[in-house]
């Protein structure tokens, strides 16, 4: 017999499920301005036209001493913001595991008139609360 006491079972990998959406992209993400480098990696350098991309986003429950319901938002492995505090608890209730997928829309990121007119990136999630 292999192993020793206490007997431990192998933990099964959590399945990551898609959160329900309604196609409206009604849930804003907060804190995007802190992740400019992430958006440059995802979208490339700003151009004269605004970005309007629909991508997959990973929502990850965090253990944050300042917000016990914090949910981080990642796109293509890059952190891009958090679910706003007022919506985080409702989003966590939808998540069966520590992580969940949803669709996200990235908008903005333009640079016009030689940098005098710049649009920050924004993200909205397709999660029906």
C-alpha atoms as a PDB file:
ATOM      1  CA  UNK A   1       0.000   0.000   0.000  1.00  0.00           C
ATOM      2  CA  UNK A   2       1.408   3.404  -1.017  1.00  0.00           C
ATOM      3  CA  UNK A   3       1.137   6.620   0.916  1.00  0.00           C
ATOM      4  CA  UNK A   4       0.747   7.319   4.570  1.00  0.00           C
ATOM      5  CA  UNK A   5      -1.812   8.658   6.964  1.00  0.00           C
ATOM      6  CA  UNK A   6      -3.655  10.978   6.530  1.00  0.00           C
ATOM      7  CA  UNK A   7      -4.987   9.651   3.257  1.00  0.00           C
ATOM      8  CA  UNK A   8      -5.320  12.429   0.693  1.00  0.00           C
ATOM      9  CA  UNK A   9      -7.293  12.281  -2.493  1.00  0.00           C
ATOM     10  CA  UNK A  10      -6.098  14.070  -5.559  1.00  0.00           C
ATOM     11  CA  UNK A  11      -8.008  17.290  -5.926  1.00  0.00           C
ATOM     12  CA  UNK A  12      -9.979  17.396  -9.151  1.00  0.00           C
ATOM     13  CA  UNK A  13      -9.312  20.387 -11.348  1.00  0.00           C
ATOM     14  CA  UNK A  14     -12.044  22.991 -11.083  1.00  0.00           C
ATOM     15  CA  UNK A  15     -14.022  23.404 -14.244  1.00  0.00           C
ATOM     16  CA  UNK A  16     -14.187  26.996 -15.348  1.00  0.00           C
ATOM     17  CA  UNK A  17     -17.680  27.899 -16.461  1.00  0.00           C
ATOM     18  CA  UNK A  18     -19.117  30.692 -18.580  1.00  0.00           C
ATOM     19  CA  UNK A  19     -21.116  33.260 -16.663  1.00  0.00           C
ATOM     20  CA  UNK A  20     -24.544  34.113 -18.096  1.00  0.00           C
ATOM     21  CA  UNK A  21     -24.689  37.157 -20.330  1.00  0.00           C
ATOM     22  CA  UNK A  22     -27.358  38.968 -22.309  1.00  0.00           C
ATOM     23  CA  UNK A  23     -25.222  40.521 -25.070  1.00  0.00           C
ATOM     24  CA  UNK A  24     -25.567  44.019 -23.576  1.00  0.00           C
ATOM     25  CA  UNK A  25     -22.059  44.341 -22.042  1.00  0.00           C
ATOM     26  CA  UNK A  26     -23.678  46.253 -19.192  1.00  0.00           C
ATOM     27  CA  UNK A  27     -21.114  45.650 -16.440  1.00  0.00           C
ATOM     28  CA  UNK A  28     -18.304  48.210 -16.395  1.00  0.00           C
ATOM     29  CA  UNK A  29     -14.834  47.294 -15.170  1.00  0.00           C
ATOM     30  CA  UNK A  30     -13.055  49.692 -12.818  1.00  0.00           C
ATOM     31  CA  UNK A  31      -9.390  50.620 -12.602  1.00  0.00           C
ATOM     32  CA  UNK A  32      -8.465  50.206 -16.270  1.00  0.00           C
ATOM     33  CA  UNK A  33      -6.255  53.314 -16.235  1.00  0.00           C
ATOM     34  CA  UNK A  34      -3.768  51.466 -13.997  1.00  0.00           C
ATOM     35  CA  UNK A  35      -3.236  48.768 -16.642  1.00  0.00           C
ATOM     36  CA  UNK A  36      -2.215  50.747 -19.735  1.00  0.00           C
ATOM     37  CA  UNK A  37       0.688  48.382 -20.471  1.00  0.00           C
ATOM     38  CA  UNK A  38      -1.706  45.427 -20.459  1.00  0.00           C
ATOM     39  CA  UNK A  39      -3.916  47.131 -23.037  1.00  0.00           C
ATOM     40  CA  UNK A  40      -0.906  47.925 -25.213  1.00  0.00           C
ATOM     41  CA  UNK A  41       0.017  44.225 -25.130  1.00  0.00           C
ATOM     42  CA  UNK A  42      -3.559  43.177 -25.989  1.00  0.00           C
ATOM     43  CA  UNK A  43      -4.532  45.894 -28.501  1.00  0.00           C
ATOM     44  CA  UNK A  44      -1.250  47.308 -29.769  1.00  0.00           C
ATOM     45  CA  UNK A  45      -0.264  50.954 -29.987  1.00  0.00           C
ATOM     46  CA  UNK A  46      -3.085  53.529 -30.160  1.00  0.00           C
ATOM     47  CA  UNK A  47      -4.168  54.677 -33.605  1.00  0.00           C
ATOM     48  CA  UNK A  48      -6.458  57.447 -34.812  1.00  0.00           C
ATOM     49  CA  UNK A  49      -9.398  55.040 -34.608  1.00  0.00           C
ATOM     50  CA  UNK A  50     -10.924  53.698 -31.412  1.00  0.00           C
ATOM     51  CA  UNK A  51     -10.567  49.999 -30.602  1.00  0.00           C
ATOM     52  CA  UNK A  52     -13.803  48.002 -30.414  1.00  0.00           C
ATOM     53  CA  UNK A  53     -12.842  44.388 -29.615  1.00  0.00           C
ATOM     54  CA  UNK A  54     -14.929  41.548 -28.203  1.00  0.00           C
ATOM     55  CA  UNK A  55     -12.696  39.105 -26.328  1.00  0.00           C
ATOM     56  CA  UNK A  56     -12.874  36.408 -23.654  1.00  0.00           C
ATOM     57  CA  UNK A  57     -12.255  37.565 -20.078  1.00  0.00           C
ATOM     58  CA  UNK A  58     -11.367  35.518 -17.016  1.00  0.00           C
ATOM     59  CA  UNK A  59     -12.919  36.614 -13.718  1.00  0.00           C
ATOM     60  CA  UNK A  60     -10.947  35.544 -10.663  1.00  0.00           C
ATOM     61  CA  UNK A  61     -12.067  35.782  -7.044  1.00  0.00           C
ATOM     62  CA  UNK A  62      -9.384  37.419  -4.901  1.00  0.00           C
ATOM     63  CA  UNK A  63      -8.600  37.447  -1.214  1.00  0.00           C
ATOM     64  CA  UNK A  64      -8.230  41.148  -0.587  1.00  0.00           C
ATOM     65  CA  UNK A  65      -8.159  42.475   2.987  1.00  0.00           C
ATOM     66  CA  UNK A  66      -9.778  45.721   1.807  1.00  0.00           C
ATOM     67  CA  UNK A  67     -12.582  44.080  -0.214  1.00  0.00           C
ATOM     68  CA  UNK A  68     -13.591  40.527   0.706  1.00  0.00           C
ATOM     69  CA  UNK A  69     -15.660  40.236  -2.498  1.00  0.00           C
ATOM     70  CA  UNK A  70     -12.971  41.439  -4.936  1.00  0.00           C
ATOM     71  CA  UNK A  71     -13.042  39.976  -8.459  1.00  0.00           C
ATOM     72  CA  UNK A  72     -10.053  40.533 -10.765  1.00  0.00           C
ATOM     73  CA  UNK A  73     -10.550  40.775 -14.546  1.00  0.00           C
ATOM     74  CA  UNK A  74      -7.920  39.317 -16.884  1.00  0.00           C
ATOM     75  CA  UNK A  75      -7.797  39.317 -20.671  1.00  0.00           C
ATOM     76  CA  UNK A  76      -5.236  37.180 -22.506  1.00  0.00           C
ATOM     77  CA  UNK A  77      -3.446  36.631 -19.187  1.00  0.00           C
ATOM     78  CA  UNK A  78      -3.147  40.361 -18.433  1.00  0.00           C
ATOM     79  CA  UNK A  79      -4.896  41.997 -15.483  1.00  0.00           C
ATOM     80  CA  UNK A  80      -7.037  44.862 -16.816  1.00  0.00           C
ATOM     81  CA  UNK A  81      -9.119  45.888 -13.794  1.00  0.00           C
ATOM     82  CA  UNK A  82     -11.687  44.701 -11.255  1.00  0.00           C
ATOM     83  CA  UNK A  83     -15.430  44.248 -11.058  1.00  0.00           C
ATOM     84  CA  UNK A  84     -16.730  47.365  -9.258  1.00  0.00           C
ATOM     85  CA  UNK A  85     -17.192  46.892  -5.520  1.00  0.00           C
ATOM     86  CA  UNK A  86     -20.966  47.426  -5.731  1.00  0.00           C
ATOM     87  CA  UNK A  87     -21.305  44.521  -8.223  1.00  0.00           C
ATOM     88  CA  UNK A  88     -18.591  42.138  -6.987  1.00  0.00           C
ATOM     89  CA  UNK A  89     -20.762  40.221  -4.503  1.00  0.00           C
ATOM     90  CA  UNK A  90     -23.428  39.538  -7.152  1.00  0.00           C
ATOM     91  CA  UNK A  91     -20.783  38.366  -9.631  1.00  0.00           C
ATOM     92  CA  UNK A  92     -19.238  36.050  -7.038  1.00  0.00           C
ATOM     93  CA  UNK A  93     -22.675  34.490  -6.450  1.00  0.00           C
ATOM     94  CA  UNK A  94     -22.823  33.590 -10.164  1.00  0.00           C
ATOM     95  CA  UNK A  95     -19.422  31.893 -10.014  1.00  0.00           C
ATOM     96  CA  UNK A  96     -19.504  28.234  -9.016  1.00  0.00           C
ATOM     97  CA  UNK A  97     -15.704  28.138  -8.697  1.00  0.00           C
ATOM     98  CA  UNK A  98     -12.902  30.603  -8.025  1.00  0.00           C
ATOM     99  CA  UNK A  99     -12.764  31.480 -11.730  1.00  0.00           C
ATOM    100  CA  UNK A 100     -15.241  32.088 -14.517  1.00  0.00           C
ATOM    101  CA  UNK A 101     -15.282  33.145 -18.164  1.00  0.00           C
ATOM    102  CA  UNK A 102     -17.347  35.847 -19.818  1.00  0.00           C
ATOM    103  CA  UNK A 103     -17.260  37.965 -22.961  1.00  0.00           C
ATOM    104  CA  UNK A 104     -15.736  41.433 -22.676  1.00  0.00           C
ATOM    105  CA  UNK A 105     -15.707  44.456 -24.930  1.00  0.00           C
ATOM    106  CA  UNK A 106     -12.619  46.702 -25.044  1.00  0.00           C
ATOM    107  CA  UNK A 107     -13.222  50.220 -26.352  1.00  0.00           C
ATOM    108  CA  UNK A 108     -11.162  53.371 -26.684  1.00  0.00           C
ATOM    109  CA  UNK A 109      -7.406  53.645 -26.965  1.00  0.00           C
ATOM    110  CA  UNK A 110      -7.147  56.265 -29.689  1.00  0.00           C
ATOM    111  CA  UNK A 111      -4.493  58.926 -30.140  1.00  0.00           C
ATOM    112  CA  UNK A 112      -5.327  61.835 -32.444  1.00  0.00           C
ATOM    113  CA  UNK A 113      -3.840  65.232 -33.252  1.00  0.00           C
ATOM    114  CA  UNK A 114      -0.298  64.115 -32.429  1.00  0.00           C
ATOM    115  CA  UNK A 115      -1.200  62.915 -28.938  1.00  0.00           C
ATOM    116  CA  UNK A 116      -3.236  65.916 -27.789  1.00  0.00           C
ATOM    117  CA  UNK A 117      -6.493  63.937 -28.014  1.00  0.00           C
ATOM    118  CA  UNK A 118      -6.068  60.556 -26.298  1.00  0.00           C
ATOM    119  CA  UNK A 119      -8.795  58.096 -25.327  1.00  0.00           C
ATOM    120  CA  UNK A 120      -8.224  55.707 -22.454  1.00  0.00           C
ATOM    121  CA  UNK A 121      -9.208  52.064 -22.766  1.00  0.00           C
ATOM    122  CA  UNK A 122     -12.414  50.874 -21.153  1.00  0.00           C
ATOM    123  CA  UNK A 123     -13.793  47.384 -20.599  1.00  0.00           C
ATOM    124  CA  UNK A 124     -17.390  46.245 -20.233  1.00  0.00           C
ATOM    125  CA  UNK A 125     -18.395  42.702 -19.350  1.00  0.00           C
ATOM    126  CA  UNK A 126     -21.293  40.681 -20.716  1.00  0.00           C
ATOM    127  CA  UNK A 127     -22.515  39.394 -17.352  1.00  0.00           C
ATOM    128  CA  UNK A 128     -26.214  39.418 -16.533  1.00  0.00           C
ATOM    129  CA  UNK A 129     -26.676  40.274 -12.852  1.00  0.00           C
END
